[in-house]
Amino acid sequence: MDIKIYYTPTCPYCIQAKKYFDKKKIAYTDFNVVADKEKAQEMIDLSGQMGVPVIKIDNKIIIGFDQEEIDKALK
């Protein structure tokens, strides 16, 4: 399973999302879209928006910290 989190360091929902994956001991790759403009553009291309977090679980895109959608995608 390939999980990517596009985030900003000051976003409380981004922090919640990362903590949720850490608590479940699920590995992910995170990208700070403030520091990495290429990843910011990749996030916009994937989601069609600039809001964070954008979570990509395999080919599913989840916008925001939507625990129910995350759990569905993890099954």
PDB file of N, CA and C in Angstrom:
ATOM      1  N   MET A   1       0.856  -1.178   0.000  1.00  0.00           N
ATOM      2  CA  MET A   1       0.000   0.000   0.000  1.00  0.00           C
ATOM      3  C   MET A   1       0.898   1.236   0.000  1.00  0.00           C
ATOM      4  N   ASP A   2       0.604   2.161  -0.905  1.00  0.00           N
ATOM      5  CA  ASP A   2       1.386   3.382  -1.037  1.00  0.00           C
ATOM      6  C   ASP A   2       0.567   4.550  -0.494  1.00  0.00           C
ATOM      7  N   ILE A   3       1.077   5.203   0.556  1.00  0.00           N
ATOM      8  CA  ILE A   3       0.355   6.302   1.189  1.00  0.00           C
ATOM      9  C   ILE A   3       1.225   7.551   1.157  1.00  0.00           C
ATOM     10  N   LYS A   4       0.636   8.638   0.673  1.00  0.00           N
ATOM     11  CA  LYS A   4       1.318   9.921   0.632  1.00  0.00           C
ATOM     12  C   LYS A   4       0.428  10.967   1.283  1.00  0.00           C
ATOM     13  N   ILE A   5       1.056  11.830   2.073  1.00  0.00           N
ATOM     14  CA  ILE A   5       0.334  12.928   2.710  1.00  0.00           C
ATOM     15  C   ILE A   5       0.997  14.238   2.287  1.00  0.00           C
ATOM     16  N   TYR A   6       0.216  15.082   1.658  1.00  0.00           N
ATOM     17  CA  TYR A   6       0.672  16.416   1.284  1.00  0.00           C
ATOM     18  C   TYR A   6       0.173  17.352   2.390  1.00  0.00           C
ATOM     19  N   TYR A   7       1.094  18.085   3.027  1.00  0.00           N
ATOM     20  CA  TYR A   7       0.723  18.847   4.222  1.00  0.00           C
ATOM     21  C   TYR A   7       1.468  20.176   4.298  1.00  0.00           C
ATOM     22  N   THR A   8       1.010  21.009   5.235  1.00  0.00           N
ATOM     23  CA  THR A   8       1.764  22.183   5.656  1.00  0.00           C
ATOM     24  C   THR A   8       2.022  22.030   7.154  1.00  0.00           C
ATOM     25  N   PRO A   9       3.153  22.533   7.638  1.00  0.00           N
ATOM     26  CA  PRO A   9       3.514  22.321   9.043  1.00  0.00           C
ATOM     27  C   PRO A   9       2.550  22.947  10.056  1.00  0.00           C
ATOM     28  N   THR A  10       1.813  23.978   9.656  1.00  0.00           N
ATOM     29  CA  THR A  10       0.923  24.664  10.607  1.00  0.00           C
ATOM     30  C   THR A  10      -0.525  24.195  10.533  1.00  0.00           C
ATOM     31  N   CYS A  11      -0.824  23.256   9.661  1.00  0.00           N
ATOM     32  CA  CYS A  11      -2.198  22.779   9.471  1.00  0.00           C
ATOM     33  C   CYS A  11      -2.569  21.764  10.561  1.00  0.00           C
ATOM     34  N   PRO A  12      -3.563  22.082  11.410  1.00  0.00           N
ATOM     35  CA  PRO A  12      -3.923  21.147  12.485  1.00  0.00           C
ATOM     36  C   PRO A  12      -4.492  19.827  11.959  1.00  0.00           C
ATOM     37  N   TYR A  13      -5.193  19.861  10.826  1.00  0.00           N
ATOM     38  CA  TYR A  13      -5.754  18.623  10.275  1.00  0.00           C
ATOM     39  C   TYR A  13      -4.654  17.742   9.687  1.00  0.00           C
ATOM     40  N   CYS A  14      -3.613  18.365   9.179  1.00  0.00           N
ATOM     41  CA  CYS A  14      -2.459  17.610   8.677  1.00  0.00           C
ATOM     42  C   CYS A  14      -1.776  16.876   9.835  1.00  0.00           C
ATOM     43  N   ILE A  15      -1.609  17.590  10.933  1.00  0.00           N
ATOM     44  CA  ILE A  15      -0.980  17.004  12.123  1.00  0.00           C
ATOM     45  C   ILE A  15      -1.823  15.842  12.628  1.00  0.00           C
ATOM     46  N   GLN A  16      -3.143  16.026  12.660  1.00  0.00           N
ATOM     47  CA  GLN A  16      -4.048  14.948  13.097  1.00  0.00           C
ATOM     48  C   GLN A  16      -3.917  13.733  12.184  1.00  0.00           C
ATOM     49  N   ALA A  17      -3.870  13.963  10.888  1.00  0.00           N
ATOM     50  CA  ALA A  17      -3.777  12.859   9.932  1.00  0.00           C
ATOM     51  C   ALA A  17      -2.494  12.076  10.144  1.00  0.00           C
ATOM     52  N   LYS A  18      -1.377  12.776  10.277  1.00  0.00           N
ATOM     53  CA  LYS A  18      -0.093  12.103  10.467  1.00  0.00           C
ATOM     54  C   LYS A  18      -0.073  11.325  11.782  1.00  0.00           C
ATOM     55  N   LYS A  19      -0.631  11.919  12.838  1.00  0.00           N
ATOM     56  CA  LYS A  19      -0.707  11.224  14.135  1.00  0.00           C
ATOM     57  C   LYS A  19      -1.573   9.971  14.032  1.00  0.00           C
ATOM     58  N   TYR A  20      -2.649  10.054  13.245  1.00  0.00           N
ATOM     59  CA  TYR A  20      -3.549   8.909  13.076  1.00  0.00           C
ATOM     60  C   TYR A  20      -2.810   7.738  12.425  1.00  0.00           C
ATOM     61  N   PHE A  21      -2.058   8.020  11.368  1.00  0.00           N
ATOM     62  CA  PHE A  21      -1.284   6.963  10.710  1.00  0.00           C
ATOM     63  C   PHE A  21      -0.187   6.431  11.634  1.00  0.00           C
ATOM     64  N   ASP A  22       0.462   7.328  12.389  1.00  0.00           N
ATOM     65  CA  ASP A  22       1.495   6.898  13.333  1.00  0.00           C
ATOM     66  C   ASP A  22       0.906   5.978  14.402  1.00  0.00           C
ATOM     67  N   LYS A  23      -0.262   6.354  14.932  1.00  0.00           N
ATOM     68  CA  LYS A  23      -0.931   5.560  15.977  1.00  0.00           C
ATOM     69  C   LYS A  23      -1.259   4.158  15.456  1.00  0.00           C
ATOM     70  N   LYS A  24      -1.674   4.068  14.192  1.00  0.00           N
ATOM     71  CA  LYS A  24      -2.005   2.773  13.594  1.00  0.00           C
ATOM     72  C   LYS A  24      -0.769   2.044  13.070  1.00  0.00           C
ATOM     73  N   LYS A  25       0.408   2.684  13.235  1.00  0.00           N
ATOM     74  CA  LYS A  25       1.678   2.109  12.775  1.00  0.00           C
ATOM     75  C   LYS A  25       1.647   1.798  11.271  1.00  0.00           C
ATOM     76  N   ILE A  26       1.119   2.759  10.522  1.00  0.00           N
ATOM     77  CA  ILE A  26       1.024   2.638   9.063  1.00  0.00           C
ATOM     78  C   ILE A  26       2.036   3.592   8.447  1.00  0.00           C
ATOM     79  N   ALA A  27       2.905   3.055   7.631  1.00  0.00           N
ATOM     80  CA  ALA A  27       3.956   3.857   7.004  1.00  0.00           C
ATOM     81  C   ALA A  27       3.373   4.750   5.916  1.00  0.00           C
ATOM     82  N   TYR A  28       3.915   5.944   5.815  1.00  0.00           N
ATOM     83  CA  TYR A  28       3.498   6.894   4.786  1.00  0.00           C
ATOM     84  C   TYR A  28       4.688   7.778   4.427  1.00  0.00           C
ATOM     85  N   THR A  29       4.568   8.428   3.297  1.00  0.00           N
ATOM     86  CA  THR A  29       5.538   9.439   2.895  1.00  0.00           C
ATOM     87  C   THR A  29       4.826  10.768   2.952  1.00  0.00           C
ATOM     88  N   ASP A  30       5.469  11.761   3.575  1.00  0.00           N
ATOM     89  CA  ASP A  30       4.820  13.065   3.655  1.00  0.00           C
ATOM     90  C   ASP A  30       5.632  14.109   2.898  1.00  0.00           C
ATOM     91  N   PHE A  31       4.907  15.074   2.369  1.00  0.00           N
ATOM     92  CA  PHE A  31       5.507  16.143   1.578  1.00  0.00           C
ATOM     93  C   PHE A  31       5.026  17.485   2.100  1.00  0.00           C
ATOM     94  N   ASN A  32       5.964  18.319   2.529  1.00  0.00           N
ATOM     95  CA  ASN A  32       5.661  19.665   2.980  1.00  0.00           C
ATOM     96  C   ASN A  32       5.512  20.530   1.732  1.00  0.00           C
ATOM     97  N   VAL A  33       4.290  20.889   1.403  1.00  0.00           N
ATOM     98  CA  VAL A  33       4.028  21.618   0.168  1.00  0.00           C
ATOM     99  C   VAL A  33       4.393  23.104   0.254  1.00  0.00           C
ATOM    100  N   VAL A  34       4.753  23.568   1.436  1.00  0.00           N
ATOM    101  CA  VAL A  34       5.265  24.931   1.567  1.00  0.00           C
ATOM    102  C   VAL A  34       6.728  24.949   1.105  1.00  0.00           C
ATOM    103  N   ALA A  35       7.476  23.933   1.504  1.00  0.00           N
ATOM    104  CA  ALA A  35       8.903  23.877   1.195  1.00  0.00           C
ATOM    105  C   ALA A  35       9.194  23.279  -0.176  1.00  0.00           C
ATOM    106  N   ASP A  36       8.273  22.474  -0.706  1.00  0.00           N
ATOM    107  CA  ASP A  36       8.520  21.755  -1.959  1.00  0.00           C
ATOM    108  C   ASP A  36       7.468  22.149  -2.997  1.00  0.00           C
ATOM    109  N   LYS A  37       7.836  23.098  -3.839  1.00  0.00           N
ATOM    110  CA  LYS A  37       6.869  23.625  -4.821  1.00  0.00           C
ATOM    111  C   LYS A  37       6.471  22.575  -5.860  1.00  0.00           C
ATOM    112  N   GLU A  38       7.377  21.661  -6.207  1.00  0.00           N
ATOM    113  CA  GLU A  38       7.025  20.593  -7.156  1.00  0.00           C
ATOM    114  C   GLU A  38       5.949  19.685  -6.574  1.00  0.00           C
ATOM    115  N   LYS A  39       6.095  19.347  -5.295  1.00  0.00           N
ATOM    116  CA  LYS A  39       5.088  18.501  -4.641  1.00  0.00           C
ATOM    117  C   LYS A  39       3.779  19.268  -4.453  1.00  0.00           C
ATOM    118  N   ALA A  40       3.868  20.578  -4.257  1.00  0.00           N
ATOM    119  CA  ALA A  40       2.653  21.393  -4.156  1.00  0.00           C
ATOM    120  C   ALA A  40       1.882  21.327  -5.475  1.00  0.00           C
ATOM    121  N   GLN A  41       2.592  21.428  -6.591  1.00  0.00           N
ATOM    122  CA  GLN A  41       1.934  21.347  -7.891  1.00  0.00           C
ATOM    123  C   GLN A  41       1.371  19.952  -8.131  1.00  0.00           C
ATOM    124  N   GLU A  42       2.123  18.929  -7.698  1.00  0.00           N
ATOM    125  CA  GLU A  42       1.645  17.542  -7.825  1.00  0.00           C
ATOM    126  C   GLU A  42       0.338  17.375  -7.050  1.00  0.00           C
ATOM    127  N   MET A  43       0.275  17.946  -5.842  1.00  0.00           N
ATOM    128  CA  MET A  43      -0.924  17.862  -5.016  1.00  0.00           C
ATOM    129  C   MET A  43      -2.104  18.539  -5.720  1.00  0.00           C
ATOM    130  N   ILE A  44      -1.864  19.709  -6.302  1.00  0.00           N
ATOM    131  CA  ILE A  44      -2.922  20.428  -7.009  1.00  0.00           C
ATOM    132  C   ILE A  44      -3.393  19.617  -8.215  1.00  0.00           C
ATOM    133  N   ASP A  45      -2.452  19.025  -8.936  1.00  0.00           N
ATOM    134  CA  ASP A  45      -2.807  18.204 -10.097  1.00  0.00           C
ATOM    135  C   ASP A  45      -3.651  16.999  -9.682  1.00  0.00           C
ATOM    136  N   LEU A  46      -3.322  16.398  -8.545  1.00  0.00           N
ATOM    137  CA  LEU A  46      -4.064  15.218  -8.065  1.00  0.00           C
ATOM    138  C   LEU A  46      -5.458  15.568  -7.562  1.00  0.00           C
ATOM    139  N   SER A  47      -5.550  16.661  -6.799  1.00  0.00           N
ATOM    140  CA  SER A  47      -6.794  16.956  -6.088  1.00  0.00           C
ATOM    141  C   SER A  47      -7.619  18.073  -6.715  1.00  0.00           C
ATOM    142  N   GLY A  48      -6.997  18.884  -7.547  1.00  0.00           N
ATOM    143  CA  GLY A  48      -7.709  19.997  -8.126  1.00  0.00           C
ATOM    144  C   GLY A  48      -7.890  21.169  -7.179  1.00  0.00           C
ATOM    145  N   GLN A  49      -7.152  21.175  -6.083  1.00  0.00           N
ATOM    146  CA  GLN A  49      -7.290  22.258  -5.112  1.00  0.00           C
ATOM    147  C   GLN A  49      -5.998  22.471  -4.346  1.00  0.00           C
ATOM    148  N   MET A  50      -5.987  23.535  -3.536  1.00  0.00           N
ATOM    149  CA  MET A  50      -4.792  23.877  -2.773  1.00  0.00           C
ATOM    150  C   MET A  50      -4.936  23.587  -1.284  1.00  0.00           C
ATOM    151  N   GLY A  51      -6.100  23.109  -0.857  1.00  0.00           N
ATOM    152  CA  GLY A  51      -6.310  22.818   0.563  1.00  0.00           C
ATOM    153  C   GLY A  51      -5.534  21.591   1.002  1.00  0.00           C
ATOM    154  N   VAL A  52      -5.120  21.581   2.254  1.00  0.00           N
ATOM    155  CA  VAL A  52      -4.401  20.447   2.829  1.00  0.00           C
ATOM    156  C   VAL A  52      -5.141  19.946   4.055  1.00  0.00           C
ATOM    157  N   PRO A  53      -4.917  18.722   4.479  1.00  0.00           N
ATOM    158  CA  PRO A  53      -4.065  17.747   3.818  1.00  0.00           C
ATOM    159  C   PRO A  53      -4.761  17.105   2.614  1.00  0.00           C
ATOM    160  N   VAL A  54      -3.939  16.641   1.705  1.00  0.00           N
ATOM    161  CA  VAL A  54      -4.400  15.762   0.634  1.00  0.00           C
ATOM    162  C   VAL A  54      -3.697  14.439   0.887  1.00  0.00           C
ATOM    163  N   ILE A  55      -4.488  13.398   1.023  1.00  0.00           N
ATOM    164  CA  ILE A  55      -3.956  12.077   1.330  1.00  0.00           C
ATOM    165  C   ILE A  55      -4.226  11.173   0.133  1.00  0.00           C
ATOM    166  N   LYS A  56      -3.174  10.520  -0.333  1.00  0.00           N
ATOM    167  CA  LYS A  56      -3.313   9.590  -1.454  1.00  0.00           C
ATOM    168  C   LYS A  56      -3.006   8.192  -0.931  1.00  0.00           C
ATOM    169  N   ILE A  57      -4.009   7.332  -0.986  1.00  0.00           N
ATOM    170  CA  ILE A  57      -3.843   5.930  -0.570  1.00  0.00           C
ATOM    171  C   ILE A  57      -4.033   5.099  -1.822  1.00  0.00           C
ATOM    172  N   ASP A  58      -2.930   4.542  -2.310  1.00  0.00           N
ATOM    173  CA  ASP A  58      -2.881   3.904  -3.623  1.00  0.00           C
ATOM    174  C   ASP A  58      -3.406   4.916  -4.644  1.00  0.00           C
ATOM    175  N   ASN A  59      -4.543   4.668  -5.268  1.00  0.00           N
ATOM    176  CA  ASN A  59      -5.057   5.611  -6.272  1.00  0.00           C
ATOM    177  C   ASN A  59      -6.236   6.447  -5.769  1.00  0.00           C
ATOM    178  N   LYS A  60      -6.551   6.330  -4.470  1.00  0.00           N
ATOM    179  CA  LYS A  60      -7.674   7.096  -3.895  1.00  0.00           C
ATOM    180  C   LYS A  60      -7.159   8.401  -3.299  1.00  0.00           C
ATOM    181  N   ILE A  61      -7.818   9.484  -3.643  1.00  0.00           N
ATOM    182  CA  ILE A  61      -7.475  10.807  -3.119  1.00  0.00           C
ATOM    183  C   ILE A  61      -8.502  11.193  -2.054  1.00  0.00           C
ATOM    184  N   ILE A  62      -7.997  11.564  -0.875  1.00  0.00           N
ATOM    185  CA  ILE A  62      -8.858  12.012   0.223  1.00  0.00           C
ATOM    186  C   ILE A  62      -8.436  13.431   0.568  1.00  0.00           C
ATOM    187  N   ILE A  63      -9.390  14.327   0.563  1.00  0.00           N
ATOM    188  CA  ILE A  63      -9.110  15.722   0.865  1.00  0.00           C
ATOM    189  C   ILE A  63      -9.536  15.996   2.299  1.00  0.00           C
ATOM    190  N   GLY A  64      -8.600  16.494   3.092  1.00  0.00           N
ATOM    191  CA  GLY A  64      -8.869  16.758   4.503  1.00  0.00           C
ATOM    192  C   GLY A  64      -8.651  15.498   5.334  1.00  0.00           C
ATOM    193  N   PHE A  65      -8.777  15.649   6.637  1.00  0.00           N
ATOM    194  CA  PHE A  65      -8.637  14.501   7.539  1.00  0.00           C
ATOM    195  C   PHE A  65     -10.014  13.884   7.731  1.00  0.00           C
ATOM    196  N   ASP A  66     -10.361  12.981   6.829  1.00  0.00           N
ATOM    197  CA  ASP A  66     -11.650  12.290   6.847  1.00  0.00           C
ATOM    198  C   ASP A  66     -11.375  10.854   7.294  1.00  0.00           C
ATOM    199  N   GLN A  67     -11.460  10.644   8.593  1.00  0.00           N
ATOM    200  CA  GLN A  67     -11.092   9.352   9.183  1.00  0.00           C
ATOM    201  C   GLN A  67     -11.899   8.200   8.593  1.00  0.00           C
ATOM    202  N   GLU A  68     -13.170   8.404   8.350  1.00  0.00           N
ATOM    203  CA  GLU A  68     -14.018   7.352   7.789  1.00  0.00           C
ATOM    204  C   GLU A  68     -13.531   6.950   6.389  1.00  0.00           C
ATOM    205  N   GLU A  69     -13.234   7.945   5.565  1.00  0.00           N
ATOM    206  CA  GLU A  69     -12.740   7.655   4.206  1.00  0.00           C
ATOM    207  C   GLU A  69     -11.361   7.008   4.242  1.00  0.00           C
ATOM    208  N   ILE A  70     -10.526   7.453   5.169  1.00  0.00           N
ATOM    209  CA  ILE A  70      -9.189   6.857   5.326  1.00  0.00           C
ATOM    210  C   ILE A  70      -9.334   5.389   5.690  1.00  0.00           C
ATOM    211  N   ASP A  71     -10.185   5.095   6.679  1.00  0.00           N
ATOM    212  CA  ASP A  71     -10.371   3.702   7.088  1.00  0.00           C
ATOM    213  C   ASP A  71     -10.904   2.842   5.946  1.00  0.00           C
ATOM    214  N   LYS A  72     -11.820   3.374   5.155  1.00  0.00           N
ATOM    215  CA  LYS A  72     -12.338   2.625   4.003  1.00  0.00           C
ATOM    216  C   LYS A  72     -11.223   2.323   3.013  1.00  0.00           C
ATOM    217  N   ALA A  73     -10.400   3.318   2.753  1.00  0.00           N
ATOM    218  CA  ALA A  73      -9.316   3.153   1.777  1.00  0.00           C
ATOM    219  C   ALA A  73      -8.240   2.193   2.266  1.00  0.00           C
ATOM    220  N   LEU A  74      -8.094   2.068   3.574  1.00  0.00           N
ATOM    221  CA  LEU A  74      -7.068   1.192   4.150  1.00  0.00           C
ATOM    222  C   LEU A  74      -7.482  -0.273   4.131  1.00  0.00           C
ATOM    223  N   LYS A  75      -8.772  -0.552   3.945  1.00  0.00           N
ATOM    224  CA  LYS A  75      -9.246  -1.944   3.992  1.00  0.00           C
ATOM    225  C   LYS A  75      -8.945  -2.675   2.723  1.00  0.00           C
TER     226      LYS A  75
END
